[in-house]
Amino acid sequence: AEIMTGIQGINLQNAQEALNILLDKGCDTVIITLGAAGSVFASREQRKFTHVPTDIVKPVDTT
């Protein structure tokens, strides 16, 4: 997303701008992951900015 939008360090504060840029470029739906901050998404039809927070989990090696 950073390369396609030109926005360095996408975070919750500037994610809406990044979503809109990608939607304007023709994407139907955009999902941007934000690491520990979760993810954000929006669609071209409904440009509603939605934040999905994440829980901190302890990784487990299942191999």
PDB file of N, CA and C in Angstrom:
ATOM      1  N   ALA A   1       0.824  -1.196   0.000  1.00  0.00           N
ATOM      2  CA  ALA A   1       0.000   0.000   0.000  1.00  0.00           C
ATOM      3  C   ALA A   1       0.867   1.258   0.000  1.00  0.00           C
ATOM      4  N   GLU A   2       2.004   1.197   0.716  1.00  0.00           N
ATOM      5  CA  GLU A   2       2.875   2.372   0.757  1.00  0.00           C
ATOM      6  C   GLU A   2       3.386   2.735  -0.632  1.00  0.00           C
ATOM      7  N   ILE A   3       3.786   1.741  -1.400  1.00  0.00           N
ATOM      8  CA  ILE A   3       4.315   2.000  -2.745  1.00  0.00           C
ATOM      9  C   ILE A   3       3.219   2.545  -3.655  1.00  0.00           C
ATOM     10  N   MET A   4       2.033   1.970  -3.591  1.00  0.00           N
ATOM     11  CA  MET A   4       0.945   2.385  -4.487  1.00  0.00           C
ATOM     12  C   MET A   4       0.353   3.740  -4.125  1.00  0.00           C
ATOM     13  N   THR A   5       0.444   4.140  -2.841  1.00  0.00           N
ATOM     14  CA  THR A   5      -0.135   5.412  -2.420  1.00  0.00           C
ATOM     15  C   THR A   5       0.892   6.523  -2.272  1.00  0.00           C
ATOM     16  N   GLY A   6       2.161   6.146  -2.096  1.00  0.00           N
ATOM     17  CA  GLY A   6       3.192   7.147  -1.830  1.00  0.00           C
ATOM     18  C   GLY A   6       3.208   7.600  -0.383  1.00  0.00           C
ATOM     19  N   ILE A   7       2.411   6.969   0.460  1.00  0.00           N
ATOM     20  CA  ILE A   7       2.358   7.315   1.881  1.00  0.00           C
ATOM     21  C   ILE A   7       3.290   6.372   2.636  1.00  0.00           C
ATOM     22  N   GLN A   8       4.283   6.926   3.295  1.00  0.00           N
ATOM     23  CA  GLN A   8       5.220   6.119   4.075  1.00  0.00           C
ATOM     24  C   GLN A   8       4.695   5.953   5.494  1.00  0.00           C
ATOM     25  N   GLY A   9       4.774   4.734   6.024  1.00  0.00           N
ATOM     26  CA  GLY A   9       4.360   4.485   7.404  1.00  0.00           C
ATOM     27  C   GLY A   9       2.859   4.595   7.595  1.00  0.00           C
ATOM     28  N   ILE A  10       2.083   3.838   6.852  1.00  0.00           N
ATOM     29  CA  ILE A  10       0.626   3.890   6.984  1.00  0.00           C
ATOM     30  C   ILE A  10       0.234   3.411   8.377  1.00  0.00           C
ATOM     31  N   ASN A  11      -0.611   4.211   9.036  1.00  0.00           N
ATOM     32  CA  ASN A  11      -1.079   3.905  10.387  1.00  0.00           C
ATOM     33  C   ASN A  11      -2.543   4.312  10.498  1.00  0.00           C
ATOM     34  N   LEU A  12      -3.102   4.201  11.694  1.00  0.00           N
ATOM     35  CA  LEU A  12      -4.526   4.543  11.864  1.00  0.00           C
ATOM     36  C   LEU A  12      -4.822   5.996  11.504  1.00  0.00           C
ATOM     37  N   GLN A  13      -3.864   6.882  11.712  1.00  0.00           N
ATOM     38  CA  GLN A  13      -4.101   8.301  11.446  1.00  0.00           C
ATOM     39  C   GLN A  13      -4.178   8.623   9.951  1.00  0.00           C
ATOM     40  N   ASN A  14      -3.445   7.902   9.116  1.00  0.00           N
ATOM     41  CA  ASN A  14      -3.457   8.225   7.685  1.00  0.00           C
ATOM     42  C   ASN A  14      -4.034   7.104   6.810  1.00  0.00           C
ATOM     43  N   ALA A  15      -4.572   6.071   7.431  1.00  0.00           N
ATOM     44  CA  ALA A  15      -5.104   4.929   6.675  1.00  0.00           C
ATOM     45  C   ALA A  15      -6.295   5.314   5.796  1.00  0.00           C
ATOM     46  N   GLN A  16      -7.140   6.214   6.258  1.00  0.00           N
ATOM     47  CA  GLN A  16      -8.301   6.634   5.453  1.00  0.00           C
ATOM     48  C   GLN A  16      -7.842   7.248   4.137  1.00  0.00           C
ATOM     49  N   GLU A  17      -6.815   8.070   4.202  1.00  0.00           N
ATOM     50  CA  GLU A  17      -6.275   8.676   2.982  1.00  0.00           C
ATOM     51  C   GLU A  17      -5.741   7.598   2.041  1.00  0.00           C
ATOM     52  N   ALA A  18      -5.019   6.625   2.585  1.00  0.00           N
ATOM     53  CA  ALA A  18      -4.473   5.538   1.770  1.00  0.00           C
ATOM     54  C   ALA A  18      -5.590   4.714   1.134  1.00  0.00           C
ATOM     55  N   LEU A  19      -6.627   4.408   1.905  1.00  0.00           N
ATOM     56  CA  LEU A  19      -7.766   3.662   1.364  1.00  0.00           C
ATOM     57  C   LEU A  19      -8.395   4.413   0.198  1.00  0.00           C
ATOM     58  N   ASN A  20      -8.623   5.710   0.371  1.00  0.00           N
ATOM     59  CA  ASN A  20      -9.255   6.505  -0.682  1.00  0.00           C
ATOM     60  C   ASN A  20      -8.404   6.565  -1.946  1.00  0.00           C
ATOM     61  N   ILE A  21      -7.091   6.682  -1.787  1.00  0.00           N
ATOM     62  CA  ILE A  21      -6.208   6.710  -2.956  1.00  0.00           C
ATOM     63  C   ILE A  21      -6.342   5.413  -3.744  1.00  0.00           C
ATOM     64  N   LEU A  22      -6.315   4.283  -3.039  1.00  0.00           N
ATOM     65  CA  LEU A  22      -6.399   2.989  -3.718  1.00  0.00           C
ATOM     66  C   LEU A  22      -7.775   2.763  -4.341  1.00  0.00           C
ATOM     67  N   LEU A  23      -8.828   3.215  -3.677  1.00  0.00           N
ATOM     68  CA  LEU A  23     -10.170   3.106  -4.257  1.00  0.00           C
ATOM     69  C   LEU A  23     -10.277   3.973  -5.510  1.00  0.00           C
ATOM     70  N   ASP A  24      -9.687   5.168  -5.476  1.00  0.00           N
ATOM     71  CA  ASP A  24      -9.700   6.056  -6.640  1.00  0.00           C
ATOM     72  C   ASP A  24      -8.910   5.475  -7.811  1.00  0.00           C
ATOM     73  N   LYS A  25      -7.942   4.615  -7.534  1.00  0.00           N
ATOM     74  CA  LYS A  25      -7.152   3.973  -8.591  1.00  0.00           C
ATOM     75  C   LYS A  25      -7.896   2.808  -9.237  1.00  0.00           C
ATOM     76  N   GLY A  26      -9.094   2.472  -8.703  1.00  0.00           N
ATOM     77  CA  GLY A  26      -9.908   1.447  -9.342  1.00  0.00           C
ATOM     78  C   GLY A  26     -10.131   0.175  -8.555  1.00  0.00           C
ATOM     79  N   CYS A  27      -9.561   0.067  -7.375  1.00  0.00           N
ATOM     80  CA  CYS A  27      -9.792  -1.130  -6.556  1.00  0.00           C
ATOM     81  C   CYS A  27     -11.245  -1.157  -6.092  1.00  0.00           C
ATOM     82  N   ASP A  28     -11.862  -2.328  -6.103  1.00  0.00           N
ATOM     83  CA  ASP A  28     -13.238  -2.456  -5.614  1.00  0.00           C
ATOM     84  C   ASP A  28     -13.289  -2.496  -4.096  1.00  0.00           C
ATOM     85  N   THR A  29     -12.363  -3.225  -3.495  1.00  0.00           N
ATOM     86  CA  THR A  29     -12.270  -3.351  -2.043  1.00  0.00           C
ATOM     87  C   THR A  29     -10.808  -3.262  -1.656  1.00  0.00           C
ATOM     88  N   VAL A  30     -10.524  -2.537  -0.570  1.00  0.00           N
ATOM     89  CA  VAL A  30      -9.146  -2.387  -0.108  1.00  0.00           C
ATOM     90  C   VAL A  30      -9.069  -2.804   1.351  1.00  0.00           C
ATOM     91  N   ILE A  31      -8.090  -3.648   1.660  1.00  0.00           N
ATOM     92  CA  ILE A  31      -7.793  -4.050   3.029  1.00  0.00           C
ATOM     93  C   ILE A  31      -6.321  -3.740   3.261  1.00  0.00           C
ATOM     94  N   ILE A  32      -6.038  -3.002   4.325  1.00  0.00           N
ATOM     95  CA  ILE A  32      -4.656  -2.681   4.680  1.00  0.00           C
ATOM     96  C   ILE A  32      -4.391  -3.217   6.077  1.00  0.00           C
ATOM     97  N   THR A  33      -3.359  -4.047   6.197  1.00  0.00           N
ATOM     98  CA  THR A  33      -2.992  -4.559   7.517  1.00  0.00           C
ATOM     99  C   THR A  33      -2.056  -3.566   8.190  1.00  0.00           C
ATOM    100  N   LEU A  34      -2.221  -3.439   9.505  1.00  0.00           N
ATOM    101  CA  LEU A  34      -1.460  -2.460  10.275  1.00  0.00           C
ATOM    102  C   LEU A  34      -0.684  -3.102  11.419  1.00  0.00           C
ATOM    103  N   GLY A  35      -0.316  -4.353  11.258  1.00  0.00           N
ATOM    104  CA  GLY A  35       0.438  -5.037  12.306  1.00  0.00           C
ATOM    105  C   GLY A  35      -0.365  -5.139  13.591  1.00  0.00           C
ATOM    106  N   ALA A  36       0.244  -4.747  14.701  1.00  0.00           N
ATOM    107  CA  ALA A  36      -0.402  -4.844  16.009  1.00  0.00           C
ATOM    108  C   ALA A  36      -1.642  -3.956  16.124  1.00  0.00           C
ATOM    109  N   ALA A  37      -1.782  -2.971  15.231  1.00  0.00           N
ATOM    110  CA  ALA A  37      -2.948  -2.079  15.267  1.00  0.00           C
ATOM    111  C   ALA A  37      -4.157  -2.691  14.572  1.00  0.00           C
ATOM    112  N   GLY A  38      -4.008  -3.871  13.967  1.00  0.00           N
ATOM    113  CA  GLY A  38      -5.130  -4.531  13.301  1.00  0.00           C
ATOM    114  C   GLY A  38      -5.124  -4.286  11.808  1.00  0.00           C
ATOM    115  N   SER A  39      -6.289  -3.977  11.263  1.00  0.00           N
ATOM    116  CA  SER A  39      -6.404  -3.700   9.834  1.00  0.00           C
ATOM    117  C   SER A  39      -7.553  -2.729   9.599  1.00  0.00           C
ATOM    118  N   VAL A  40      -7.580  -2.166   8.398  1.00  0.00           N
ATOM    119  CA  VAL A  40      -8.654  -1.260   7.993  1.00  0.00           C
ATOM    120  C   VAL A  40      -9.122  -1.694   6.614  1.00  0.00           C
ATOM    121  N   PHE A  41     -10.384  -1.426   6.325  1.00  0.00           N
ATOM    122  CA  PHE A  41     -10.877  -1.747   4.987  1.00  0.00           C
ATOM    123  C   PHE A  41     -11.995  -0.809   4.591  1.00  0.00           C
ATOM    124  N   ALA A  42     -12.229  -0.764   3.277  1.00  0.00           N
ATOM    125  CA  ALA A  42     -13.322   0.020   2.701  1.00  0.00           C
ATOM    126  C   ALA A  42     -13.590  -0.530   1.303  1.00  0.00           C
ATOM    127  N   SER A  43     -14.791  -0.273   0.796  1.00  0.00           N
ATOM    128  CA  SER A  43     -15.128  -0.677  -0.568  1.00  0.00           C
ATOM    129  C   SER A  43     -15.458   0.562  -1.388  1.00  0.00           C
ATOM    130  N   ARG A  44     -15.405   0.412  -2.697  1.00  0.00           N
ATOM    131  CA  ARG A  44     -15.700   1.543  -3.569  1.00  0.00           C
ATOM    132  C   ARG A  44     -17.160   1.961  -3.442  1.00  0.00           C
ATOM    133  N   GLU A  45     -18.064   0.971  -3.324  1.00  0.00           N
ATOM    134  CA  GLU A  45     -19.491   1.277  -3.200  1.00  0.00           C
ATOM    135  C   GLU A  45     -19.789   2.076  -1.938  1.00  0.00           C
ATOM    136  N   GLN A  46     -19.201   1.633  -0.845  1.00  0.00           N
ATOM    137  CA  GLN A  46     -19.470   2.275   0.447  1.00  0.00           C
ATOM    138  C   GLN A  46     -18.129   2.664   1.055  1.00  0.00           C
ATOM    139  N   ARG A  47     -17.753   3.889   0.943  1.00  0.00           N
ATOM    140  CA  ARG A  47     -16.433   4.342   1.385  1.00  0.00           C
ATOM    141  C   ARG A  47     -16.361   4.535   2.892  1.00  0.00           C
ATOM    142  N   LYS A  48     -16.984   3.637   3.593  1.00  0.00           N
ATOM    143  CA  LYS A  48     -16.962   3.692   5.052  1.00  0.00           C
ATOM    144  C   LYS A  48     -15.660   3.080   5.555  1.00  0.00           C
ATOM    145  N   PHE A  49     -14.897   3.864   6.300  1.00  0.00           N
ATOM    146  CA  PHE A  49     -13.639   3.422   6.893  1.00  0.00           C
ATOM    147  C   PHE A  49     -13.957   2.513   8.070  1.00  0.00           C
ATOM    148  N   THR A  50     -13.482   1.267   8.017  1.00  0.00           N
ATOM    149  CA  THR A  50     -13.737   0.315   9.097  1.00  0.00           C
ATOM    150  C   THR A  50     -12.410  -0.185   9.644  1.00  0.00           C
ATOM    151  N   HIS A  51     -12.241  -0.043  10.960  1.00  0.00           N
ATOM    152  CA  HIS A  51     -11.032  -0.520  11.640  1.00  0.00           C
ATOM    153  C   HIS A  51     -11.372  -1.816  12.358  1.00  0.00           C
ATOM    154  N   VAL A  52     -10.544  -2.822  12.168  1.00  0.00           N
ATOM    155  CA  VAL A  52     -10.704  -4.102  12.851  1.00  0.00           C
ATOM    156  C   VAL A  52      -9.481  -4.279  13.752  1.00  0.00           C
ATOM    157  N   PRO A  53      -9.644  -4.050  15.061  1.00  0.00           N
ATOM    158  CA  PRO A  53      -8.498  -4.210  15.966  1.00  0.00           C
ATOM    159  C   PRO A  53      -8.113  -5.676  16.098  1.00  0.00           C
ATOM    160  N   THR A  54      -6.942  -5.912  16.625  1.00  0.00           N
ATOM    161  CA  THR A  54      -6.471  -7.277  16.819  1.00  0.00           C
ATOM    162  C   THR A  54      -6.113  -7.495  18.281  1.00  0.00           C
ATOM    163  N   ASP A  55      -6.169  -8.730  18.700  1.00  0.00           N
ATOM    164  CA  ASP A  55      -5.731  -9.090  20.042  1.00  0.00           C
ATOM    165  C   ASP A  55      -4.271  -9.516  19.975  1.00  0.00           C
ATOM    166  N   ILE A  56      -3.554  -9.266  21.042  1.00  0.00           N
ATOM    167  CA  ILE A  56      -2.177  -9.736  21.121  1.00  0.00           C
ATOM    168  C   ILE A  56      -2.220 -11.210  21.497  1.00  0.00           C
ATOM    169  N   VAL A  57      -1.550 -12.016  20.708  1.00  0.00           N
ATOM    170  CA  VAL A  57      -1.536 -13.458  20.957  1.00  0.00           C
ATOM    171  C   VAL A  57      -0.100 -13.945  21.074  1.00  0.00           C
ATOM    172  N   LYS A  58       0.067 -15.039  21.774  1.00  0.00           N
ATOM    173  CA  LYS A  58       1.380 -15.656  21.902  1.00  0.00           C
ATOM    174  C   LYS A  58       1.518 -16.687  20.782  1.00  0.00           C
ATOM    175  N   PRO A  59       2.529 -16.529  19.918  1.00  0.00           N
ATOM    176  CA  PRO A  59       2.693 -17.495  18.834  1.00  0.00           C
ATOM    177  C   PRO A  59       3.070 -18.874  19.378  1.00  0.00           C
ATOM    178  N   VAL A  60       2.566 -19.895  18.722  1.00  0.00           N
ATOM    179  CA  VAL A  60       2.836 -21.271  19.124  1.00  0.00           C
ATOM    180  C   VAL A  60       3.375 -22.028  17.920  1.00  0.00           C
ATOM    181  N   ASP A  61       4.488 -22.710  18.088  1.00  0.00           N
ATOM    182  CA  ASP A  61       5.071 -23.517  17.016  1.00  0.00           C
ATOM    183  C   ASP A  61       4.371 -24.867  17.003  1.00  0.00           C
ATOM    184  N   THR A  62       3.652 -25.159  15.929  1.00  0.00           N
ATOM    185  CA  THR A  62       2.889 -26.407  15.856  1.00  0.00           C
ATOM    186  C   THR A  62       3.617 -27.492  15.081  1.00  0.00           C
ATOM    187  N   THR A  63       4.879 -27.227  14.712  1.00  0.00           N
ATOM    188  CA  THR A  63       5.621 -28.241  13.942  1.00  0.00           C
ATOM    189  C   THR A  63       6.343 -29.215  14.846  1.00  0.00           C
TER     190      THR A  63
END
